[in-house]
Amino acid sequence: MRVLFINNNGAGYADYVDVSHDMTVESFFQDKMAGCKESDYLIRVNRQPVAKDYVLKEGDRITITPLKIEGAV
């Protein structure tokens, strides 16, 4: 199934990605943001905060935004 992934980390980008039908927000984050800590990011689905065990659905919009911007004072 396809979901829209909006990654606001660094230069940022948005693209449709294919995910499995049973993928949770937590496993999506671990897959797409390998090596990053969840606590450093604001993760939303369809503009709403969700629990990490939320199962993604066809057409969901996942936004991952860092809480702190490197180099900011």
Protein backbone atom coordinates (compact mmCIF):
# COMPACT_ATOMS: atom_id res chain seq x y z
CA MET A 1 0.00 0.00 0.00
CA ARG A 2 1.13 3.60 -0.54
CA VAL A 3 1.46 6.41 1.98
CA LEU A 4 2.82 9.93 1.64
CA PHE A 5 6.04 10.45 3.62
CA ILE A 6 7.02 14.04 4.40
CA ASN A 7 10.52 14.15 5.87
CA ASN A 8 11.33 17.59 7.28
CA ASN A 9 14.83 16.53 8.39
CA GLY A 10 17.65 18.47 6.76
CA ALA A 11 16.65 19.73 3.32
CA GLY A 12 13.37 17.80 3.57
CA TYR A 13 11.41 16.00 0.90
CA ALA A 14 8.04 14.39 0.26
CA ASP A 15 7.29 11.24 -1.69
CA TYR A 16 4.89 8.35 -1.86
CA VAL A 17 6.37 5.15 -0.43
CA ASP A 18 5.13 1.56 -0.37
CA VAL A 19 4.67 -0.05 3.05
CA SER A 20 3.31 -3.38 4.26
CA HIS A 21 -0.34 -3.55 5.34
CA ASP A 22 0.56 -4.20 8.99
CA MET A 23 3.28 -1.53 9.39
CA THR A 24 3.12 0.57 12.55
CA VAL A 25 4.35 4.14 12.93
CA GLU A 26 7.20 2.84 15.10
CA SER A 27 8.43 0.34 12.49
CA PHE A 28 8.03 2.97 9.73
CA PHE A 29 10.24 5.39 11.70
CA GLN A 30 12.87 2.71 12.36
CA ASP A 31 12.92 1.82 8.67
CA LYS A 32 13.05 5.34 7.23
CA MET A 33 15.06 7.09 9.98
CA ALA A 34 17.55 4.37 10.91
CA GLY A 35 19.96 5.49 13.61
CA CYS A 36 17.72 8.34 14.81
CA LYS A 37 15.93 8.54 18.17
CA GLU A 38 12.13 8.85 18.08
CA SER A 39 12.25 11.29 21.01
CA ASP A 40 14.11 13.81 18.82
CA TYR A 41 11.24 14.04 16.31
CA LEU A 42 7.60 15.05 16.11
CA ILE A 43 5.79 12.26 14.25
CA ARG A 44 2.28 12.87 12.92
CA VAL A 45 -0.15 10.97 10.74
CA ASN A 46 -2.69 13.02 8.83
CA ARG A 47 -1.57 16.09 10.81
CA GLN A 48 -2.40 14.46 14.16
CA PRO A 49 -0.07 12.97 16.79
CA VAL A 50 -0.55 9.20 17.04
CA ALA A 51 0.65 6.36 19.27
CA LYS A 52 3.67 4.43 18.06
CA ASP A 53 1.54 1.28 17.65
CA TYR A 54 -0.82 3.02 15.18
CA VAL A 55 -1.14 0.81 12.07
CA LEU A 56 -0.75 2.80 8.86
CA LYS A 57 -3.58 2.83 6.34
CA GLU A 58 -3.67 3.37 2.57
CA GLY A 59 -3.30 7.08 1.79
CA ASP A 60 -2.04 8.14 5.24
CA ARG A 61 0.26 11.17 5.35
CA ILE A 62 3.25 10.68 7.70
CA THR A 63 5.21 13.76 8.72
CA ILE A 64 8.52 13.52 10.61
CA THR A 65 9.91 16.83 11.88
CA PRO A 66 13.00 17.31 14.08
CA LEU A 67 12.36 19.02 17.41
CA LYS A 68 15.74 20.77 17.25
CA ILE A 69 17.44 22.20 14.18
CA GLU A 70 21.22 21.69 14.07
CA GLY A 71 23.14 24.92 14.08
CA ALA A 72 20.27 26.93 15.55
CA VAL A 73 21.10 29.20 18.45
